[in-house]
C-alpha atoms as a PDB file:
ATOM      1  CA  UNK A   1       0.000   0.000   0.000  1.00  0.00           C
ATOM      2  CA  UNK A   2       1.475   3.342  -1.029  1.00  0.00           C
ATOM      3  CA  UNK A   3       1.674   5.949   1.696  1.00  0.00           C
ATOM      4  CA  UNK A   4      -0.131   9.145   0.752  1.00  0.00           C
ATOM      5  CA  UNK A   5       1.439  12.505   1.525  1.00  0.00           C
ATOM      6  CA  UNK A   6      -1.364  13.309   3.980  1.00  0.00           C
ATOM      7  CA  UNK A   7      -1.059   9.983   5.804  1.00  0.00           C
ATOM      8  CA  UNK A   8       2.709  10.415   6.128  1.00  0.00           C
ATOM      9  CA  UNK A   9       2.390  13.958   7.464  1.00  0.00           C
ATOM     10  CA  UNK A  10      -0.239  12.863   9.985  1.00  0.00           C
ATOM     11  CA  UNK A  11       2.106  12.195  12.920  1.00  0.00           C
ATOM     12  CA  UNK A  12       3.870  15.523  12.356  1.00  0.00           C
ATOM     13  CA  UNK A  13       0.622  17.500  12.154  1.00  0.00           C
ATOM     14  CA  UNK A  14      -0.716  15.821  15.295  1.00  0.00           C
ATOM     15  CA  UNK A  15       2.518  16.526  17.197  1.00  0.00           C
ATOM     16  CA  UNK A  16       2.526  20.123  15.975  1.00  0.00           C
ATOM     17  CA  UNK A  17      -1.034  20.599  17.235  1.00  0.00           C
ATOM     18  CA  UNK A  18       0.077  19.260  20.633  1.00  0.00           C
ATOM     19  CA  UNK A  19       2.867  21.884  20.811  1.00  0.00           C
ATOM     20  CA  UNK A  20       5.826  19.637  20.019  1.00  0.00           C
ATOM     21  CA  UNK A  21       9.088  21.475  19.412  1.00  0.00           C
ATOM     22  CA  UNK A  22      10.606  19.255  16.722  1.00  0.00           C
ATOM     23  CA  UNK A  23      14.085  20.761  17.034  1.00  0.00           C
ATOM     24  CA  UNK A  24      14.445  19.666  20.693  1.00  0.00           C
ATOM     25  CA  UNK A  25      16.378  16.362  20.744  1.00  0.00           C
ATOM     26  CA  UNK A  26      14.690  13.423  22.429  1.00  0.00           C
ATOM     27  CA  UNK A  27      14.972   9.624  22.482  1.00  0.00           C
ATOM     28  CA  UNK A  28      13.272   8.114  19.443  1.00  0.00           C
ATOM     29  CA  UNK A  29      12.620   4.363  19.478  1.00  0.00           C
ATOM     30  CA  UNK A  30      12.826   2.462  16.180  1.00  0.00           C
ATOM     31  CA  UNK A  31      11.256  -0.988  16.527  1.00  0.00           C
ATOM     32  CA  UNK A  32      12.128  -4.169  14.621  1.00  0.00           C
ATOM     33  CA  UNK A  33      10.932  -7.765  14.849  1.00  0.00           C
ATOM     34  CA  UNK A  34      13.029 -10.786  13.909  1.00  0.00           C
ATOM     35  CA  UNK A  35      12.218 -14.463  13.622  1.00  0.00           C
ATOM     36  CA  UNK A  36      15.386 -15.397  15.500  1.00  0.00           C
ATOM     37  CA  UNK A  37      17.601 -13.775  18.109  1.00  0.00           C
ATOM     38  CA  UNK A  38      20.740 -14.072  15.960  1.00  0.00           C
ATOM     39  CA  UNK A  39      19.341 -11.701  13.325  1.00  0.00           C
ATOM     40  CA  UNK A  40      18.368  -9.137  15.970  1.00  0.00           C
ATOM     41  CA  UNK A  41      21.835  -9.387  17.537  1.00  0.00           C
ATOM     42  CA  UNK A  42      23.488  -8.816  14.146  1.00  0.00           C
ATOM     43  CA  UNK A  43      21.475  -5.632  13.592  1.00  0.00           C
ATOM     44  CA  UNK A  44      22.150  -4.495  17.174  1.00  0.00           C
ATOM     45  CA  UNK A  45      25.909  -4.965  16.648  1.00  0.00           C
ATOM     46  CA  UNK A  46      25.741  -2.995  13.391  1.00  0.00           C
ATOM     47  CA  UNK A  47      23.925  -0.140  15.153  1.00  0.00           C
ATOM     48  CA  UNK A  48      26.384  -0.146  18.045  1.00  0.00           C
ATOM     49  CA  UNK A  49      29.449  -0.430  15.786  1.00  0.00           C
ATOM     50  CA  UNK A  50      28.272   2.634  13.857  1.00  0.00           C
ATOM     51  CA  UNK A  51      27.508   4.509  17.108  1.00  0.00           C
ATOM     52  CA  UNK A  52      23.892   5.284  16.247  1.00  0.00           C
ATOM     53  CA  UNK A  53      22.871   4.771  19.877  1.00  0.00           C
ATOM     54  CA  UNK A  54      21.547   2.071  22.191  1.00  0.00           C
ATOM     55  CA  UNK A  55      19.699  -1.180  21.517  1.00  0.00           C
ATOM     56  CA  UNK A  56      17.464  -3.518  23.508  1.00  0.00           C
ATOM     57  CA  UNK A  57      16.516  -7.063  22.502  1.00  0.00           C
ATOM     58  CA  UNK A  58      13.544  -8.797  24.136  1.00  0.00           C
ATOM     59  CA  UNK A  59      11.521 -11.920  23.305  1.00  0.00           C
ATOM     60  CA  UNK A  60       7.841 -11.537  22.404  1.00  0.00           C
ATOM     61  CA  UNK A  61       4.935 -13.731  23.467  1.00  0.00           C
ATOM     62  CA  UNK A  62       4.557 -14.801  19.827  1.00  0.00           C
ATOM     63  CA  UNK A  63       8.019 -16.383  19.815  1.00  0.00           C
ATOM     64  CA  UNK A  64       9.676 -13.594  17.858  1.00  0.00           C
ATOM     65  CA  UNK A  65      12.391 -11.195  18.987  1.00  0.00           C
ATOM     66  CA  UNK A  66      11.838  -7.454  19.397  1.00  0.00           C
ATOM     67  CA  UNK A  67      14.755  -5.083  18.818  1.00  0.00           C
ATOM     68  CA  UNK A  68      14.449  -1.454  19.880  1.00  0.00           C
ATOM     69  CA  UNK A  69      17.063   0.978  18.591  1.00  0.00           C
ATOM     70  CA  UNK A  70      16.996   4.243  20.546  1.00  0.00           C
ATOM     71  CA  UNK A  71      18.502   7.352  18.952  1.00  0.00           C
ATOM     72  CA  UNK A  72      18.630  10.749  20.666  1.00  0.00           C
ATOM     73  CA  UNK A  73      17.777  13.219  17.911  1.00  0.00           C
ATOM     74  CA  UNK A  74      15.514  16.085  16.896  1.00  0.00           C
ATOM     75  CA  UNK A  75      12.354  15.016  15.087  1.00  0.00           C
ATOM     76  CA  UNK A  76      12.232  17.581  12.330  1.00  0.00           C
ATOM     77  CA  UNK A  77      10.623  15.952   9.334  1.00  0.00           C
ATOM     78  CA  UNK A  78      13.801  15.809   7.242  1.00  0.00           C
ATOM     79  CA  UNK A  79      15.918  14.279  10.022  1.00  0.00           C
ATOM     80  CA  UNK A  80      13.303  11.780  11.154  1.00  0.00           C
ATOM     81  CA  UNK A  81      12.506  10.689   7.601  1.00  0.00           C
ATOM     82  CA  UNK A  82      16.199  10.165   6.866  1.00  0.00           C
ATOM     83  CA  UNK A  83      16.834   8.062   9.967  1.00  0.00           C
ATOM     84  CA  UNK A  84      13.598   6.110   9.475  1.00  0.00           C
ATOM     85  CA  UNK A  85      14.642   5.387   5.878  1.00  0.00           C
ATOM     86  CA  UNK A  86      18.000   4.119   7.173  1.00  0.00           C
ATOM     87  CA  UNK A  87      16.158   1.795   9.560  1.00  0.00           C
ATOM     88  CA  UNK A  88      13.983   0.521   6.694  1.00  0.00           C
ATOM     89  CA  UNK A  89      17.174  -0.196   4.726  1.00  0.00           C
ATOM     90  CA  UNK A  90      18.641  -2.084   7.692  1.00  0.00           C
ATOM     91  CA  UNK A  91      15.520  -4.227   7.924  1.00  0.00           C
ATOM     92  CA  UNK A  92      15.758  -5.117   4.232  1.00  0.00           C
ATOM     93  CA  UNK A  93      19.510  -5.712   4.404  1.00  0.00           C
ATOM     94  CA  UNK A  94      19.349  -7.993   7.444  1.00  0.00           C
ATOM     95  CA  UNK A  95      15.989  -9.661   6.749  1.00  0.00           C
ATOM     96  CA  UNK A  96      13.986  -8.421   9.738  1.00  0.00           C
ATOM     97  CA  UNK A  97      10.721  -6.466   9.983  1.00  0.00           C
ATOM     98  CA  UNK A  98      10.769  -2.712  10.668  1.00  0.00           C
ATOM     99  CA  UNK A  99       7.674  -1.732  12.652  1.00  0.00           C
ATOM    100  CA  UNK A 100       8.170   2.056  12.855  1.00  0.00           C
ATOM    101  CA  UNK A 101       9.203   4.684  15.374  1.00  0.00           C
ATOM    102  CA  UNK A 102       7.849   6.460  18.437  1.00  0.00           C
ATOM    103  CA  UNK A 103       8.860   9.167  20.880  1.00  0.00           C
ATOM    104  CA  UNK A 104       7.634  11.471  23.613  1.00  0.00           C
ATOM    105  CA  UNK A 105       6.630  14.967  22.502  1.00  0.00           C
ATOM    106  CA  UNK A 106       8.866  17.818  23.663  1.00  0.00           C
ATOM    107  CA  UNK A 107       6.990  21.039  24.337  1.00  0.00           C
ATOM    108  CA  UNK A 108       8.757  24.334  24.822  1.00  0.00           C
ATOM    109  CA  UNK A 109       9.143  25.318  28.472  1.00  0.00           C
ATOM    110  CA  UNK A 110       6.548  27.720  29.783  1.00  0.00           C
ATOM    111  CA  UNK A 111       7.805  31.284  29.884  1.00  0.00           C
ATOM    112  CA  UNK A 112       6.716  34.052  32.176  1.00  0.00           C
ATOM    113  CA  UNK A 113       4.773  36.862  30.539  1.00  0.00           C
ATOM    114  CA  UNK A 114       6.820  39.910  29.670  1.00  0.00           C
ATOM    115  CA  UNK A 115       6.254  43.190  31.468  1.00  0.00           C
ATOM    116  CA  UNK A 116       4.488  44.024  34.688  1.00  0.00           C
ATOM    117  CA  UNK A 117       1.790  41.485  35.627  1.00  0.00           C
ATOM    118  CA  UNK A 118       0.357  43.271  38.684  1.00  0.00           C
END
C-alpha cells in the first residue's frame, strides 16, 4: 500500500497541534521484529558499531524477537525521515521487519509573561 502525503504527514501534524518542538532532541525508538535472536543481535551490533545509539533485545509472546534501537535526535521531518529510511534499509539488508518509530513529545518550556503582571 502506497503511503499518501497526507497519511505520512499525519504524525507531524498531530505533534505540531500538541505543541511539540521538533528541534528539541529526544529519544526516538525504532522498533524491529526478527524471527530469531541471531538476526536481531546482528542488527544491534551494526547499530552499536556505527555509534547510532543504544539497543534492547527482548523476546515476544509470539516467539519472535523485538529489537528497539533508541537514537537521541531532533524530530524535524527531514531528520526523522532520513533516519527512518535508514532503519527501513537495515531491515531489508538484514531480513527483519521494521515496525516504525515512536517518541515522547517535547513542548517548549513555559515562559513568564513579559512586562508588569500586577
